[in-house]
C-alpha atoms as a PDB file:
ATOM      1  CA  UNK A   1       0.000   0.000   0.000  1.00  0.00           C
ATOM      2  CA  UNK A   2       1.454   3.363  -1.103  1.00  0.00           C
ATOM      3  CA  UNK A   3       0.537   6.240   1.225  1.00  0.00           C
ATOM      4  CA  UNK A   4      -0.391   9.675  -0.092  1.00  0.00           C
ATOM      5  CA  UNK A   5       2.874  11.125   1.225  1.00  0.00           C
ATOM      6  CA  UNK A   6       4.888   8.481  -0.631  1.00  0.00           C
ATOM      7  CA  UNK A   7       3.153   8.644  -4.021  1.00  0.00           C
ATOM      8  CA  UNK A   8       4.526  10.657  -6.934  1.00  0.00           C
ATOM      9  CA  UNK A   9       1.956   9.534  -9.536  1.00  0.00           C
ATOM     10  CA  UNK A  10      -1.609   8.464  -8.853  1.00  0.00           C
ATOM     11  CA  UNK A  11      -4.198   7.005 -11.243  1.00  0.00           C
ATOM     12  CA  UNK A  12      -7.661   7.547  -9.761  1.00  0.00           C
ATOM     13  CA  UNK A  13     -10.410   5.493 -11.471  1.00  0.00           C
ATOM     14  CA  UNK A  14      -8.912   6.130 -14.916  1.00  0.00           C
ATOM     15  CA  UNK A  15     -10.657   4.785 -18.009  1.00  0.00           C
ATOM     16  CA  UNK A  16      -9.514   5.350 -21.579  1.00  0.00           C
ATOM     17  CA  UNK A  17     -10.473   4.399 -25.130  1.00  0.00           C
ATOM     18  CA  UNK A  18      -8.654   5.349 -28.332  1.00  0.00           C
ATOM     19  CA  UNK A  19     -11.860   5.857 -30.334  1.00  0.00           C
ATOM     20  CA  UNK A  20     -15.426   6.405 -29.204  1.00  0.00           C
ATOM     21  CA  UNK A  21     -16.674   3.277 -30.984  1.00  0.00           C
ATOM     22  CA  UNK A  22     -13.943   1.007 -29.541  1.00  0.00           C
ATOM     23  CA  UNK A  23     -13.913  -0.889 -26.230  1.00  0.00           C
ATOM     24  CA  UNK A  24     -12.042   0.587 -23.274  1.00  0.00           C
ATOM     25  CA  UNK A  25      -8.262   0.163 -23.391  1.00  0.00           C
ATOM     26  CA  UNK A  26      -8.217   0.926 -19.640  1.00  0.00           C
ATOM     27  CA  UNK A  27     -11.203   0.292 -17.411  1.00  0.00           C
ATOM     28  CA  UNK A  28     -11.493   2.045 -14.017  1.00  0.00           C
ATOM     29  CA  UNK A  29      -7.794   1.695 -13.151  1.00  0.00           C
ATOM     30  CA  UNK A  30      -6.509   3.007  -9.812  1.00  0.00           C
ATOM     31  CA  UNK A  31      -2.959   2.679  -8.454  1.00  0.00           C
ATOM     32  CA  UNK A  32      -0.093   4.783  -7.098  1.00  0.00           C
ATOM     33  CA  UNK A  33       3.613   4.986  -7.961  1.00  0.00           C
ATOM     34  CA  UNK A  34       5.899   5.410  -4.901  1.00  0.00           C
ATOM     35  CA  UNK A  35       8.420   8.253  -4.972  1.00  0.00           C
ATOM     36  CA  UNK A  36      12.098   7.357  -5.351  1.00  0.00           C
ATOM     37  CA  UNK A  37      11.409   3.679  -6.013  1.00  0.00           C
ATOM     38  CA  UNK A  38      11.491   1.380  -9.022  1.00  0.00           C
ATOM     39  CA  UNK A  39       7.989   0.395 -10.081  1.00  0.00           C
ATOM     40  CA  UNK A  40       7.491  -2.197 -12.803  1.00  0.00           C
ATOM     41  CA  UNK A  41       4.184  -2.182 -14.703  1.00  0.00           C
ATOM     42  CA  UNK A  42       3.634  -5.611 -16.235  1.00  0.00           C
ATOM     43  CA  UNK A  43       1.030  -7.352 -18.359  1.00  0.00           C
ATOM     44  CA  UNK A  44       0.644  -9.358 -21.530  1.00  0.00           C
ATOM     45  CA  UNK A  45       0.229  -7.699 -24.942  1.00  0.00           C
ATOM     46  CA  UNK A  46      -2.960  -5.663 -24.996  1.00  0.00           C
ATOM     47  CA  UNK A  47      -3.175  -5.354 -21.217  1.00  0.00           C
ATOM     48  CA  UNK A  48      -2.910  -1.549 -21.304  1.00  0.00           C
ATOM     49  CA  UNK A  49       0.759  -1.075 -20.339  1.00  0.00           C
ATOM     50  CA  UNK A  50       1.717   1.280 -23.163  1.00  0.00           C
ATOM     51  CA  UNK A  51      -1.539   3.187 -22.763  1.00  0.00           C
ATOM     52  CA  UNK A  52      -0.513   3.870 -19.162  1.00  0.00           C
ATOM     53  CA  UNK A  53       2.773   5.381 -20.396  1.00  0.00           C
ATOM     54  CA  UNK A  54       0.996   7.599 -22.938  1.00  0.00           C
ATOM     55  CA  UNK A  55      -1.336   8.881 -20.252  1.00  0.00           C
ATOM     56  CA  UNK A  56       1.537   9.568 -17.844  1.00  0.00           C
ATOM     57  CA  UNK A  57       3.370  11.789 -20.320  1.00  0.00           C
ATOM     58  CA  UNK A  58       0.224  13.487 -21.597  1.00  0.00           C
ATOM     59  CA  UNK A  59       0.160  12.086 -25.136  1.00  0.00           C
ATOM     60  CA  UNK A  60      -3.347  10.836 -24.347  1.00  0.00           C
ATOM     61  CA  UNK A  61      -5.974  12.060 -21.881  1.00  0.00           C
ATOM     62  CA  UNK A  62      -8.236   9.964 -19.648  1.00  0.00           C
ATOM     63  CA  UNK A  63     -11.770   9.267 -20.847  1.00  0.00           C
ATOM     64  CA  UNK A  64     -12.781   9.198 -17.188  1.00  0.00           C
ATOM     65  CA  UNK A  65     -10.931   9.664 -13.897  1.00  0.00           C
ATOM     66  CA  UNK A  66      -7.907  11.724 -12.899  1.00  0.00           C
ATOM     67  CA  UNK A  67      -4.122  11.380 -13.006  1.00  0.00           C
ATOM     68  CA  UNK A  68      -2.109  13.193 -10.333  1.00  0.00           C
ATOM     69  CA  UNK A  69       1.570  14.155 -10.370  1.00  0.00           C
ATOM     70  CA  UNK A  70       2.958  15.277  -7.015  1.00  0.00           C
ATOM     71  CA  UNK A  71      -0.622  15.642  -5.812  1.00  0.00           C
ATOM     72  CA  UNK A  72      -1.622  17.948  -8.692  1.00  0.00           C
ATOM     73  CA  UNK A  73      -4.304  16.831 -11.140  1.00  0.00           C
ATOM     74  CA  UNK A  74      -2.899  16.869 -14.685  1.00  0.00           C
ATOM     75  CA  UNK A  75      -4.936  19.056 -17.048  1.00  0.00           C
ATOM     76  CA  UNK A  76      -4.512  21.151 -20.193  1.00  0.00           C
ATOM     77  CA  UNK A  77      -3.421  24.201 -18.207  1.00  0.00           C
ATOM     78  CA  UNK A  78      -0.520  22.570 -16.359  1.00  0.00           C
ATOM     79  CA  UNK A  79       0.395  19.724 -18.730  1.00  0.00           C
ATOM     80  CA  UNK A  80       3.496  21.344 -20.236  1.00  0.00           C
ATOM     81  CA  UNK A  81       4.860  22.314 -16.829  1.00  0.00           C
ATOM     82  CA  UNK A  82       4.225  18.914 -15.254  1.00  0.00           C
ATOM     83  CA  UNK A  83       5.589  17.096 -18.301  1.00  0.00           C
ATOM     84  CA  UNK A  84       9.031  18.537 -17.494  1.00  0.00           C
ATOM     85  CA  UNK A  85       9.154  16.197 -14.492  1.00  0.00           C
ATOM     86  CA  UNK A  86       8.929  13.064 -16.678  1.00  0.00           C
ATOM     87  CA  UNK A  87      11.291  11.586 -19.274  1.00  0.00           C
ATOM     88  CA  UNK A  88      10.682   8.462 -21.328  1.00  0.00           C
ATOM     89  CA  UNK A  89      12.949   5.928 -23.055  1.00  0.00           C
ATOM     90  CA  UNK A  90      11.278   3.808 -25.718  1.00  0.00           C
ATOM     91  CA  UNK A  91      11.749   0.255 -26.950  1.00  0.00           C
ATOM     92  CA  UNK A  92      13.837   1.297 -29.952  1.00  0.00           C
ATOM     93  CA  UNK A  93      16.282   4.082 -28.998  1.00  0.00           C
ATOM     94  CA  UNK A  94      17.106   4.792 -32.642  1.00  0.00           C
ATOM     95  CA  UNK A  95      13.670   6.362 -32.971  1.00  0.00           C
ATOM     96  CA  UNK A  96      14.808   8.988 -30.447  1.00  0.00           C
ATOM     97  CA  UNK A  97      18.233   9.849 -31.889  1.00  0.00           C
ATOM     98  CA  UNK A  98      18.450  13.192 -33.673  1.00  0.00           C
ATOM     99  CA  UNK A  99      22.102  14.221 -33.172  1.00  0.00           C
ATOM    100  CA  UNK A 100      25.089  13.292 -35.333  1.00  0.00           C
ATOM    101  CA  UNK A 101      27.125  12.364 -32.253  1.00  0.00           C
ATOM    102  CA  UNK A 102      26.304  11.042 -28.797  1.00  0.00           C
ATOM    103  CA  UNK A 103      26.993  14.376 -27.076  1.00  0.00           C
ATOM    104  CA  UNK A 104      24.953  16.342 -29.605  1.00  0.00           C
ATOM    105  CA  UNK A 105      22.064  13.956 -29.121  1.00  0.00           C
ATOM    106  CA  UNK A 106      22.098  14.384 -25.337  1.00  0.00           C
ATOM    107  CA  UNK A 107      22.257  18.165 -25.842  1.00  0.00           C
ATOM    108  CA  UNK A 108      19.211  18.232 -28.124  1.00  0.00           C
ATOM    109  CA  UNK A 109      16.630  18.364 -25.340  1.00  0.00           C
ATOM    110  CA  UNK A 110      18.598  21.096 -23.587  1.00  0.00           C
ATOM    111  CA  UNK A 111      18.590  23.187 -26.765  1.00  0.00           C
ATOM    112  CA  UNK A 112      14.828  22.798 -27.012  1.00  0.00           C
ATOM    113  CA  UNK A 113      14.565  24.100 -23.451  1.00  0.00           C
ATOM    114  CA  UNK A 114      16.748  27.111 -24.315  1.00  0.00           C
ATOM    115  CA  UNK A 115      19.512  26.136 -21.894  1.00  0.00           C
ATOM    116  CA  UNK A 116      22.562  28.392 -22.226  1.00  0.00           C
ATOM    117  CA  UNK A 117      25.421  26.951 -24.284  1.00  0.00           C
ATOM    118  CA  UNK A 118      27.887  27.281 -21.405  1.00  0.00           C
ATOM    119  CA  UNK A 119      25.524  25.435 -19.078  1.00  0.00           C
ATOM    120  CA  UNK A 120      25.052  22.675 -21.644  1.00  0.00           C
ATOM    121  CA  UNK A 121      28.815  22.098 -21.626  1.00  0.00           C
ATOM    122  CA  UNK A 122      28.526  21.280 -17.924  1.00  0.00           C
ATOM    123  CA  UNK A 123      25.364  19.172 -18.091  1.00  0.00           C
ATOM    124  CA  UNK A 124      26.091  16.897 -21.073  1.00  0.00           C
ATOM    125  CA  UNK A 125      29.405  15.385 -19.851  1.00  0.00           C
ATOM    126  CA  UNK A 126      27.917  14.814 -16.409  1.00  0.00           C
ATOM    127  CA  UNK A 127      24.864  13.034 -17.826  1.00  0.00           C
ATOM    128  CA  UNK A 128      27.061  10.825 -20.018  1.00  0.00           C
ATOM    129  CA  UNK A 129      29.340  10.039 -17.078  1.00  0.00           C
ATOM    130  CA  UNK A 130      26.299   9.016 -15.037  1.00  0.00           C
ATOM    131  CA  UNK A 131      25.559   6.256 -17.570  1.00  0.00           C
ATOM    132  CA  UNK A 132      29.225   5.338 -18.224  1.00  0.00           C
ATOM    133  CA  UNK A 133      29.194   6.710 -21.772  1.00  0.00           C
ATOM    134  CA  UNK A 134      31.463   9.763 -21.490  1.00  0.00           C
ATOM    135  CA  UNK A 135      34.260   7.995 -23.380  1.00  0.00           C
ATOM    136  CA  UNK A 136      31.898   7.665 -26.372  1.00  0.00           C
ATOM    137  CA  UNK A 137      30.729  11.276 -26.440  1.00  0.00           C
ATOM    138  CA  UNK A 138      32.010  11.865 -29.983  1.00  0.00           C
ATOM    139  CA  UNK A 139      30.780   8.542 -31.409  1.00  0.00           C
ATOM    140  CA  UNK A 140      27.945   8.331 -33.915  1.00  0.00           C
ATOM    141  CA  UNK A 141      24.874   6.856 -32.176  1.00  0.00           C
ATOM    142  CA  UNK A 142      24.472   4.281 -34.951  1.00  0.00           C
ATOM    143  CA  UNK A 143      27.866   2.775 -34.091  1.00  0.00           C
ATOM    144  CA  UNK A 144      26.787   1.819 -30.558  1.00  0.00           C
ATOM    145  CA  UNK A 145      25.396  -1.468 -29.290  1.00  0.00           C
ATOM    146  CA  UNK A 146      21.741  -1.715 -28.294  1.00  0.00           C
ATOM    147  CA  UNK A 147      22.531  -1.396 -24.603  1.00  0.00           C
ATOM    148  CA  UNK A 148      24.795   1.599 -25.202  1.00  0.00           C
ATOM    149  CA  UNK A 149      22.069   3.310 -27.240  1.00  0.00           C
ATOM    150  CA  UNK A 150      19.617   2.898 -24.394  1.00  0.00           C
ATOM    151  CA  UNK A 151      22.148   4.340 -21.956  1.00  0.00           C
ATOM    152  CA  UNK A 152      22.569   7.390 -24.197  1.00  0.00           C
ATOM    153  CA  UNK A 153      18.782   7.772 -24.315  1.00  0.00           C
ATOM    154  CA  UNK A 154      18.725   7.675 -20.505  1.00  0.00           C
ATOM    155  CA  UNK A 155      21.525  10.279 -20.416  1.00  0.00           C
ATOM    156  CA  UNK A 156      19.308  12.550 -22.499  1.00  0.00           C
ATOM    157  CA  UNK A 157      16.581  12.209 -19.882  1.00  0.00           C
ATOM    158  CA  UNK A 158      19.017  12.776 -16.987  1.00  0.00           C
ATOM    159  CA  UNK A 159      20.330  15.929 -18.659  1.00  0.00           C
ATOM    160  CA  UNK A 160      16.846  17.413 -18.387  1.00  0.00           C
ATOM    161  CA  UNK A 161      16.887  16.827 -14.615  1.00  0.00           C
ATOM    162  CA  UNK A 162      13.579  14.958 -14.582  1.00  0.00           C
ATOM    163  CA  UNK A 163      12.169  13.378 -11.423  1.00  0.00           C
ATOM    164  CA  UNK A 164      10.694  10.353 -13.200  1.00  0.00           C
ATOM    165  CA  UNK A 165      12.185   8.081 -15.862  1.00  0.00           C
ATOM    166  CA  UNK A 166       9.789   5.816 -17.774  1.00  0.00           C
ATOM    167  CA  UNK A 167      11.331   2.850 -19.586  1.00  0.00           C
ATOM    168  CA  UNK A 168       8.759   1.576 -22.100  1.00  0.00           C
ATOM    169  CA  UNK A 169       9.870  -1.978 -22.995  1.00  0.00           C
ATOM    170  CA  UNK A 170      13.408  -0.558 -22.986  1.00  0.00           C
ATOM    171  CA  UNK A 171      15.106  -3.960 -22.552  1.00  0.00           C
ATOM    172  CA  UNK A 172      13.016  -5.949 -25.036  1.00  0.00           C
ATOM    173  CA  UNK A 173      15.387  -5.469 -28.002  1.00  0.00           C
ATOM    174  CA  UNK A 174      18.605  -6.002 -26.016  1.00  0.00           C
ATOM    175  CA  UNK A 175      20.799  -9.087 -25.846  1.00  0.00           C
ATOM    176  CA  UNK A 176      21.320 -10.639 -22.374  1.00  0.00           C
ATOM    177  CA  UNK A 177      24.486  -8.618 -21.736  1.00  0.00           C
ATOM    178  CA  UNK A 178      22.835  -5.342 -22.705  1.00  0.00           C
ATOM    179  CA  UNK A 179      19.806  -6.158 -20.586  1.00  0.00           C
ATOM    180  CA  UNK A 180      21.963  -6.954 -17.542  1.00  0.00           C
ATOM    181  CA  UNK A 181      23.899  -3.703 -17.953  1.00  0.00           C
ATOM    182  CA  UNK A 182      20.698  -1.677 -18.212  1.00  0.00           C
ATOM    183  CA  UNK A 183      19.151  -3.307 -15.134  1.00  0.00           C
ATOM    184  CA  UNK A 184      22.342  -2.552 -13.162  1.00  0.00           C
ATOM    185  CA  UNK A 185      22.198   1.056 -14.340  1.00  0.00           C
ATOM    186  CA  UNK A 186      18.579   1.362 -13.199  1.00  0.00           C
ATOM    187  CA  UNK A 187      19.532   0.179  -9.718  1.00  0.00           C
ATOM    188  CA  UNK A 188      22.428   2.638  -9.538  1.00  0.00           C
ATOM    189  CA  UNK A 189      20.436   5.632 -10.779  1.00  0.00           C
ATOM    190  CA  UNK A 190      17.669   4.957  -8.292  1.00  0.00           C
ATOM    191  CA  UNK A 191      20.153   4.936  -5.419  1.00  0.00           C
ATOM    192  CA  UNK A 192      22.442   7.762  -6.539  1.00  0.00           C
ATOM    193  CA  UNK A 193      20.098  10.180  -8.324  1.00  0.00           C
ATOM    194  CA  UNK A 194      16.964   9.967  -6.190  1.00  0.00           C
ATOM    195  CA  UNK A 195      14.795   9.442  -9.260  1.00  0.00           C
ATOM    196  CA  UNK A 196      11.615   7.429  -9.630  1.00  0.00           C
ATOM    197  CA  UNK A 197      11.938   4.609 -12.167  1.00  0.00           C
ATOM    198  CA  UNK A 198       8.904   3.200 -13.985  1.00  0.00           C
ATOM    199  CA  UNK A 199       9.621   0.229 -16.240  1.00  0.00           C
ATOM    200  CA  UNK A 200       6.864  -1.062 -18.498  1.00  0.00           C
ATOM    201  CA  UNK A 201       7.385  -4.659 -19.562  1.00  0.00           C
ATOM    202  CA  UNK A 202       5.830  -8.052 -20.228  1.00  0.00           C
ATOM    203  CA  UNK A 203       8.923  -9.759 -18.786  1.00  0.00           C
ATOM    204  CA  UNK A 204       8.580 -10.768 -15.142  1.00  0.00           C
ATOM    205  CA  UNK A 205      12.307 -11.597 -15.088  1.00  0.00           C
ATOM    206  CA  UNK A 206      12.916  -7.849 -15.329  1.00  0.00           C
ATOM    207  CA  UNK A 207      10.154  -6.978 -12.877  1.00  0.00           C
ATOM    208  CA  UNK A 208      11.635  -9.269 -10.228  1.00  0.00           C
ATOM    209  CA  UNK A 209      14.225  -6.555  -9.486  1.00  0.00           C
ATOM    210  CA  UNK A 210      11.649  -3.805  -8.873  1.00  0.00           C
ATOM    211  CA  UNK A 211      10.572  -2.358  -5.510  1.00  0.00           C
ATOM    212  CA  UNK A 212       6.915  -2.161  -6.474  1.00  0.00           C
ATOM    213  CA  UNK A 213       4.775  -4.037  -8.987  1.00  0.00           C
ATOM    214  CA  UNK A 214       1.623  -3.090 -10.911  1.00  0.00           C
ATOM    215  CA  UNK A 215      -0.008  -5.953 -12.827  1.00  0.00           C
ATOM    216  CA  UNK A 216      -2.527  -5.237 -15.598  1.00  0.00           C
ATOM    217  CA  UNK A 217      -4.855  -7.687 -17.305  1.00  0.00           C
ATOM    218  CA  UNK A 218      -7.135  -6.847 -20.228  1.00  0.00           C
ATOM    219  CA  UNK A 219      -7.189  -3.150 -19.418  1.00  0.00           C
ATOM    220  CA  UNK A 220      -7.914  -3.563 -15.711  1.00  0.00           C
ATOM    221  CA  UNK A 221      -5.745  -3.545 -12.615  1.00  0.00           C
ATOM    222  CA  UNK A 222      -5.039  -7.121 -11.555  1.00  0.00           C
ATOM    223  CA  UNK A 223      -2.966  -6.297  -8.486  1.00  0.00           C
ATOM    224  CA  UNK A 224      -0.422  -3.801  -7.144  1.00  0.00           C
ATOM    225  CA  UNK A 225       2.081  -4.279  -4.351  1.00  0.00           C
ATOM    226  CA  UNK A 226       5.402  -5.839  -3.410  1.00  0.00           C
ATOM    227  CA  UNK A 227       6.895  -8.215  -6.014  1.00  0.00           C
ATOM    228  CA  UNK A 228       7.590 -10.910  -3.422  1.00  0.00           C
ATOM    229  CA  UNK A 229       3.885 -10.948  -2.510  1.00  0.00           C
ATOM    230  CA  UNK A 230       2.562 -10.942  -6.070  1.00  0.00           C
ATOM    231  CA  UNK A 231       5.051 -13.541  -7.317  1.00  0.00           C
ATOM    232  CA  UNK A 232       3.687 -15.957  -4.726  1.00  0.00           C
ATOM    233  CA  UNK A 233       0.609 -16.189  -6.966  1.00  0.00           C
ATOM    234  CA  UNK A 234       2.593 -18.014  -9.642  1.00  0.00           C
ATOM    235  CA  UNK A 235      -0.216 -20.073 -11.175  1.00  0.00           C
ATOM    236  CA  UNK A 236      -2.585 -17.097 -11.284  1.00  0.00           C
ATOM    237  CA  UNK A 237       0.018 -14.981 -13.109  1.00  0.00           C
ATOM    238  CA  UNK A 238       0.486 -17.736 -15.668  1.00  0.00           C
ATOM    239  CA  UNK A 239      -3.270 -17.820 -16.267  1.00  0.00           C
ATOM    240  CA  UNK A 240      -3.271 -14.149 -17.304  1.00  0.00           C
ATOM    241  CA  UNK A 241      -0.491 -14.727 -19.826  1.00  0.00           C
ATOM    242  CA  UNK A 242       2.653 -13.884 -17.850  1.00  0.00           C
ATOM    243  CA  UNK A 243       5.687 -16.172 -17.788  1.00  0.00           C
ATOM    244  CA  UNK A 244       7.175 -16.718 -14.346  1.00  0.00           C
ATOM    245  CA  UNK A 245      10.819 -15.685 -13.830  1.00  0.00           C
ATOM    246  CA  UNK A 246      13.394 -18.416 -14.455  1.00  0.00           C
ATOM    247  CA  UNK A 247      14.436 -18.573 -10.789  1.00  0.00           C
ATOM    248  CA  UNK A 248      10.862 -19.175  -9.712  1.00  0.00           C
ATOM    249  CA  UNK A 249      10.227 -21.874 -12.323  1.00  0.00           C
ATOM    250  CA  UNK A 250      13.436 -23.658 -11.376  1.00  0.00           C
ATOM    251  CA  UNK A 251      12.686 -23.473  -7.668  1.00  0.00           C
ATOM    252  CA  UNK A 252       9.301 -25.076  -8.254  1.00  0.00           C
ATOM    253  CA  UNK A 253      10.619 -27.826 -10.514  1.00  0.00           C
ATOM    254  CA  UNK A 254      13.834 -28.700  -8.677  1.00  0.00           C
ATOM    255  CA  UNK A 255      13.207 -27.736  -5.083  1.00  0.00           C
ATOM    256  CA  UNK A 256       9.467 -27.781  -4.645  1.00  0.00           C
ATOM    257  CA  UNK A 257       9.588 -24.185  -3.407  1.00  0.00           C
ATOM    258  CA  UNK A 258       6.335 -22.448  -4.284  1.00  0.00           C
ATOM    259  CA  UNK A 259       6.900 -18.990  -2.809  1.00  0.00           C
ATOM    260  CA  UNK A 260       8.844 -16.057  -4.264  1.00  0.00           C
ATOM    261  CA  UNK A 261      12.557 -16.759  -4.713  1.00  0.00           C
ATOM    262  CA  UNK A 262      15.354 -14.581  -6.078  1.00  0.00           C
ATOM    263  CA  UNK A 263      18.234 -15.757  -8.263  1.00  0.00           C
ATOM    264  CA  UNK A 264      20.588 -15.410  -5.303  1.00  0.00           C
ATOM    265  CA  UNK A 265      18.371 -17.485  -3.032  1.00  0.00           C
ATOM    266  CA  UNK A 266      17.947 -20.134  -5.730  1.00  0.00           C
ATOM    267  CA  UNK A 267      21.724 -20.490  -6.109  1.00  0.00           C
ATOM    268  CA  UNK A 268      22.161 -20.768  -2.340  1.00  0.00           C
ATOM    269  CA  UNK A 269      19.695 -23.654  -2.228  1.00  0.00           C
ATOM    270  CA  UNK A 270      21.193 -25.619  -5.128  1.00  0.00           C
END
């Protein structure tokens, strides 16, 4: 349970449809995102995950209900101001690259915000250093690996000094090494930068690392809470189209353990 003092984003009975003659993409959804934590929003394809992201950043507006950021209801009058608190990294980072080099790409958002050139020279190297990409500042973005591209995209968000970073299926196109590096970076940023991380994914193996979990099913909230509590409902999660994390499947098959188990705990038991 997230208290009002802890929440940074709140969905209050939000419903949404893309067209008036279509069924609801979200149906009476209510949940809160805790401040300074890593929340993972999970669900199968068509569950409403990406719709949630679009509503958070103001690309779409609720059909019914309210969305709050820092206790303020998001509306047309304050949308642009509140949007400055949120940055998003998409599934394919190449769709976000606009600069000819890594450093120019990170600087692009600062230019759009009319940040002074001298100030940009301070911000860009720091943002790249935060994601361990300063040594590639002069590289062309297209020459980077998938994981490196995502780190540059995150640097662009950090440069804007946002409070919230949304990762919309940001690991889905990465190889295992790139995925591991990105997950490690998320942990470090959460601890060092005091930012709120929201990862949107269908992969429970990624969500197992989160502090807080929101599970969607067919446009409705299935459950929200601690991962270790929700993962205990293994069979129920499978029934709504989610694959259990490897560690949990192995613990059930080899050890007969039916409750939540981390990779570290699994190794200790083998």
